[in-house]
C-alpha atoms as a PDB file:
ATOM      1  CA  UNK A   1      42.413  -8.324   3.211  1.00  0.00           C
ATOM      2  CA  UNK A   2      40.043 -11.493   4.759  1.00  0.00           C
ATOM      3  CA  UNK A   3      38.247  -8.631   6.768  1.00  0.00           C
ATOM      4  CA  UNK A   4      37.426  -6.614   3.429  1.00  0.00           C
ATOM      5  CA  UNK A   5      36.243  -9.955   1.632  1.00  0.00           C
ATOM      6  CA  UNK A   6      34.201 -11.079   4.753  1.00  0.00           C
ATOM      7  CA  UNK A   7      32.524  -7.251   4.836  1.00  0.00           C
ATOM      8  CA  UNK A   8      31.690  -7.234   0.726  1.00  0.00           C
ATOM      9  CA  UNK A   9      28.906  -9.455   0.893  1.00  0.00           C
ATOM     10  CA  UNK A  10      26.829  -7.709   4.012  1.00  0.00           C
ATOM     11  CA  UNK A  11      27.898  -4.333   1.570  1.00  0.00           C
ATOM     12  CA  UNK A  12      26.051  -5.670  -0.925  1.00  0.00           C
ATOM     13  CA  UNK A  13      22.850  -7.307   0.661  1.00  0.00           C
ATOM     14  CA  UNK A  14      22.846  -4.055   2.614  1.00  0.00           C
ATOM     15  CA  UNK A  15      22.769  -1.954  -0.819  1.00  0.00           C
ATOM     16  CA  UNK A  16      19.374  -3.422  -2.647  1.00  0.00           C
ATOM     17  CA  UNK A  17      17.172  -2.331   0.306  1.00  0.00           C
ATOM     18  CA  UNK A  18      14.665  -0.391  -0.838  1.00  0.00           C
ATOM     19  CA  UNK A  19      14.027   3.173   1.139  1.00  0.00           C
ATOM     20  CA  UNK A  20      11.027   4.517   1.873  1.00  0.00           C
ATOM     21  CA  UNK A  21       9.320   7.683   0.049  1.00  0.00           C
ATOM     22  CA  UNK A  22       6.195   7.882   1.606  1.00  0.00           C
ATOM     23  CA  UNK A  23       4.177   5.791   4.285  1.00  0.00           C
ATOM     24  CA  UNK A  24       0.516   7.098   5.384  1.00  0.00           C
ATOM     25  CA  UNK A  25      -2.192   4.746   7.511  1.00  0.00           C
ATOM     26  CA  UNK A  26      -5.603   5.831   8.401  1.00  0.00           C
ATOM     27  CA  UNK A  27      -7.139   4.276  11.419  1.00  0.00           C
ATOM     28  CA  UNK A  28     -10.225   6.725  11.675  1.00  0.00           C
ATOM     29  CA  UNK A  29     -12.771   4.587  10.851  1.00  0.00           C
ATOM     30  CA  UNK A  30     -16.295   5.639  12.656  1.00  0.00           C
ATOM     31  CA  UNK A  31     -17.336   2.422  14.262  1.00  0.00           C
ATOM     32  CA  UNK A  32     -14.642   0.517  12.037  1.00  0.00           C
ATOM     33  CA  UNK A  33     -16.435   0.780   9.052  1.00  0.00           C
ATOM     34  CA  UNK A  34     -15.251   2.359   5.646  1.00  0.00           C
ATOM     35  CA  UNK A  35     -18.069   4.492   4.152  1.00  0.00           C
ATOM     36  CA  UNK A  36     -18.488   4.091   0.050  1.00  0.00           C
ATOM     37  CA  UNK A  37     -18.449   7.559  -0.392  1.00  0.00           C
ATOM     38  CA  UNK A  38     -15.080   8.101   1.934  1.00  0.00           C
ATOM     39  CA  UNK A  39     -12.166   8.572  -0.679  1.00  0.00           C
ATOM     40  CA  UNK A  40      -8.705   8.300   1.114  1.00  0.00           C
ATOM     41  CA  UNK A  41      -6.127  10.614  -0.103  1.00  0.00           C
ATOM     42  CA  UNK A  42      -2.454  10.440   0.208  1.00  0.00           C
ATOM     43  CA  UNK A  43      -0.317  13.516  -1.093  1.00  0.00           C
ATOM     44  CA  UNK A  44       3.512  13.363  -1.242  1.00  0.00           C
ATOM     45  CA  UNK A  45       6.101  14.890  -3.095  1.00  0.00           C
ATOM     46  CA  UNK A  46       8.742  13.108  -4.368  1.00  0.00           C
ATOM     47  CA  UNK A  47      12.099  15.067  -4.528  1.00  0.00           C
ATOM     48  CA  UNK A  48      14.581  13.072  -6.732  1.00  0.00           C
ATOM     49  CA  UNK A  49      13.369  11.267  -9.966  1.00  0.00           C
ATOM     50  CA  UNK A  50      12.741   7.483  -9.274  1.00  0.00           C
ATOM     51  CA  UNK A  51      13.936   4.639 -12.132  1.00  0.00           C
ATOM     52  CA  UNK A  52      11.782   2.296 -10.042  1.00  0.00           C
ATOM     53  CA  UNK A  53       9.515   2.397  -7.333  1.00  0.00           C
ATOM     54  CA  UNK A  54       6.851   0.060  -5.486  1.00  0.00           C
ATOM     55  CA  UNK A  55       3.387   1.266  -4.167  1.00  0.00           C
ATOM     56  CA  UNK A  56       1.500  -0.930  -1.831  1.00  0.00           C
ATOM     57  CA  UNK A  57      -1.624  -0.672  -0.273  1.00  0.00           C
ATOM     58  CA  UNK A  58      -1.985  -2.180   3.888  1.00  0.00           C
ATOM     59  CA  UNK A  59      -5.352  -3.318   4.797  1.00  0.00           C
ATOM     60  CA  UNK A  60      -6.303  -4.061   8.218  1.00  0.00           C
ATOM     61  CA  UNK A  61      -9.325  -5.703   9.386  1.00  0.00           C
ATOM     62  CA  UNK A  62     -10.930  -7.657  12.837  1.00  0.00           C
ATOM     63  CA  UNK A  63     -10.040 -11.463  12.399  1.00  0.00           C
ATOM     64  CA  UNK A  64     -13.837 -11.775  10.557  1.00  0.00           C
ATOM     65  CA  UNK A  65     -14.428  -9.291   8.100  1.00  0.00           C
ATOM     66  CA  UNK A  66     -17.627 -10.660   6.922  1.00  0.00           C
ATOM     67  CA  UNK A  67     -16.649 -10.643   3.294  1.00  0.00           C
ATOM     68  CA  UNK A  68     -14.802 -12.780   0.952  1.00  0.00           C
ATOM     69  CA  UNK A  69     -12.859 -10.079  -1.150  1.00  0.00           C
ATOM     70  CA  UNK A  70     -12.991  -6.059  -1.069  1.00  0.00           C
ATOM     71  CA  UNK A  71     -13.043  -4.156  -4.660  1.00  0.00           C
ATOM     72  CA  UNK A  72     -10.976  -1.114  -4.205  1.00  0.00           C
ATOM     73  CA  UNK A  73     -10.046   1.291  -7.020  1.00  0.00           C
ATOM     74  CA  UNK A  74      -6.785   3.150  -6.407  1.00  0.00           C
ATOM     75  CA  UNK A  75      -5.656   6.346  -8.711  1.00  0.00           C
ATOM     76  CA  UNK A  76      -2.229   7.594  -8.856  1.00  0.00           C
ATOM     77  CA  UNK A  77      -1.947  11.257 -10.337  1.00  0.00           C
ATOM     78  CA  UNK A  78       1.616  11.879 -11.318  1.00  0.00           C
ATOM     79  CA  UNK A  79       3.149  15.743 -11.350  1.00  0.00           C
ATOM     80  CA  UNK A  80       1.720  16.068 -15.069  1.00  0.00           C
ATOM     81  CA  UNK A  81      -1.430  15.646 -14.354  1.00  0.00           C
ATOM     82  CA  UNK A  82      -1.530  12.259 -15.766  1.00  0.00           C
ATOM     83  CA  UNK A  83      -3.497   9.570 -13.958  1.00  0.00           C
ATOM     84  CA  UNK A  84      -3.522   5.519 -13.745  1.00  0.00           C
ATOM     85  CA  UNK A  85      -6.503   3.919 -12.791  1.00  0.00           C
ATOM     86  CA  UNK A  86      -5.626   0.217 -10.580  1.00  0.00           C
ATOM     87  CA  UNK A  87      -8.647  -2.097  -9.851  1.00  0.00           C
ATOM     88  CA  UNK A  88      -7.780  -4.079  -6.674  1.00  0.00           C
ATOM     89  CA  UNK A  89      -9.467  -7.223  -5.367  1.00  0.00           C
ATOM     90  CA  UNK A  90      -8.371  -8.219  -2.096  1.00  0.00           C
ATOM     91  CA  UNK A  91      -8.840 -11.759  -1.303  1.00  0.00           C
ATOM     92  CA  UNK A  92      -9.856 -12.808   2.397  1.00  0.00           C
ATOM     93  CA  UNK A  93     -10.577 -15.757   4.321  1.00  0.00           C
ATOM     94  CA  UNK A  94      -8.893 -18.816   5.423  1.00  0.00           C
ATOM     95  CA  UNK A  95      -8.104 -20.096   1.581  1.00  0.00           C
ATOM     96  CA  UNK A  96      -6.984 -16.677   0.129  1.00  0.00           C
ATOM     97  CA  UNK A  97      -3.954 -17.295   2.573  1.00  0.00           C
ATOM     98  CA  UNK A  98      -3.709 -13.084   2.455  1.00  0.00           C
ATOM     99  CA  UNK A  99      -4.482 -11.873   5.539  1.00  0.00           C
ATOM    100  CA  UNK A 100      -2.153 -12.554   8.343  1.00  0.00           C
ATOM    101  CA  UNK A 101      -3.375 -12.223  12.034  1.00  0.00           C
ATOM    102  CA  UNK A 102      -2.161 -11.355  15.355  1.00  0.00           C
ATOM    103  CA  UNK A 103      -4.549 -11.324  18.207  1.00  0.00           C
ATOM    104  CA  UNK A 104      -7.565  -9.156  17.069  1.00  0.00           C
ATOM    105  CA  UNK A 105      -5.665  -7.595  13.994  1.00  0.00           C
ATOM    106  CA  UNK A 106      -5.338  -9.107  10.511  1.00  0.00           C
ATOM    107  CA  UNK A 107      -3.202  -7.507   8.072  1.00  0.00           C
ATOM    108  CA  UNK A 108      -3.103  -7.877   4.210  1.00  0.00           C
ATOM    109  CA  UNK A 109      -0.292  -6.066   2.397  1.00  0.00           C
ATOM    110  CA  UNK A 110      -1.021  -5.817  -1.992  1.00  0.00           C
ATOM    111  CA  UNK A 111       1.151  -4.592  -4.437  1.00  0.00           C
ATOM    112  CA  UNK A 112      -0.619  -1.668  -6.529  1.00  0.00           C
ATOM    113  CA  UNK A 113       2.022  -0.916  -9.016  1.00  0.00           C
ATOM    114  CA  UNK A 114       6.150  -2.304  -9.324  1.00  0.00           C
ATOM    115  CA  UNK A 115       8.765  -0.628 -10.805  1.00  0.00           C
ATOM    116  CA  UNK A 116       7.316   2.211 -11.890  1.00  0.00           C
ATOM    117  CA  UNK A 117       9.056   5.632 -12.656  1.00  0.00           C
ATOM    118  CA  UNK A 118       8.521   8.592 -10.484  1.00  0.00           C
ATOM    119  CA  UNK A 119       9.528  11.525 -11.494  1.00  0.00           C
ATOM    120  CA  UNK A 120      10.339  14.353  -8.993  1.00  0.00           C
ATOM    121  CA  UNK A 121       6.923  16.357  -7.998  1.00  0.00           C
ATOM    122  CA  UNK A 122       3.936  16.595  -6.480  1.00  0.00           C
ATOM    123  CA  UNK A 123       2.126  13.376  -6.177  1.00  0.00           C
ATOM    124  CA  UNK A 124      -1.430  12.392  -5.332  1.00  0.00           C
ATOM    125  CA  UNK A 125      -2.743   8.577  -4.400  1.00  0.00           C
ATOM    126  CA  UNK A 126      -6.697   8.094  -3.602  1.00  0.00           C
ATOM    127  CA  UNK A 127      -8.432   4.830  -2.967  1.00  0.00           C
ATOM    128  CA  UNK A 128     -11.912   4.136  -2.700  1.00  0.00           C
ATOM    129  CA  UNK A 129     -13.997   1.229  -2.012  1.00  0.00           C
ATOM    130  CA  UNK A 130     -16.366  -0.312  -4.634  1.00  0.00           C
ATOM    131  CA  UNK A 131     -17.975  -2.263  -2.014  1.00  0.00           C
ATOM    132  CA  UNK A 132     -21.305  -3.785  -2.845  1.00  0.00           C
ATOM    133  CA  UNK A 133     -22.988  -1.728   0.598  1.00  0.00           C
ATOM    134  CA  UNK A 134     -23.230   1.639   1.755  1.00  0.00           C
ATOM    135  CA  UNK A 135     -19.755   1.105   3.825  1.00  0.00           C
ATOM    136  CA  UNK A 136     -17.293  -2.032   4.543  1.00  0.00           C
ATOM    137  CA  UNK A 137     -17.549  -3.370   8.118  1.00  0.00           C
ATOM    138  CA  UNK A 138     -14.543  -4.386  10.523  1.00  0.00           C
ATOM    139  CA  UNK A 139     -11.889  -2.177   9.155  1.00  0.00           C
ATOM    140  CA  UNK A 140      -9.457  -0.691  11.132  1.00  0.00           C
ATOM    141  CA  UNK A 141      -6.527   0.712   9.025  1.00  0.00           C
ATOM    142  CA  UNK A 142      -5.470   1.319   5.334  1.00  0.00           C
ATOM    143  CA  UNK A 143      -2.085   2.922   4.241  1.00  0.00           C
ATOM    144  CA  UNK A 144      -0.034   3.224   1.361  1.00  0.00           C
ATOM    145  CA  UNK A 145       3.513   2.748   1.165  1.00  0.00           C
ATOM    146  CA  UNK A 146       5.963   3.666  -1.469  1.00  0.00           C
ATOM    147  CA  UNK A 147       9.540   2.200  -1.772  1.00  0.00           C
ATOM    148  CA  UNK A 148      12.167   3.154  -4.071  1.00  0.00           C
ATOM    149  CA  UNK A 149      13.663   0.041  -5.221  1.00  0.00           C
ATOM    150  CA  UNK A 150      16.980   1.263  -6.292  1.00  0.00           C
END
């Protein structure tokens, strides 16, 4: 009986873990430049309805990206054709405290949507930069994670 009582907190702890529904990362930025017209598309299928999903944007850059923030437009297209537009402004620099650096690679993760319902079906998430110049310099990778919070 004591063994069961000791295992119960562990079972509760691990039952709350999120499960990854989808993850994809692009790291094919020629000369580490993300062009203004280079929209990244992430398409995937959700097999069963999800009551509470979290969508996260992952971005990696060089230690000194040469910009203080990066405006990004994210569009989530649902199976029924409806679209949700999300504007994100990734902050960089020491004051922002967002980037975590290890050697020559710095990474930022930012929640795009939290706790959204995702009915089963095909999804498309597109990510475009709204940077002031023709390209964003010093980009190493860009990715999307979708996790089931249930």
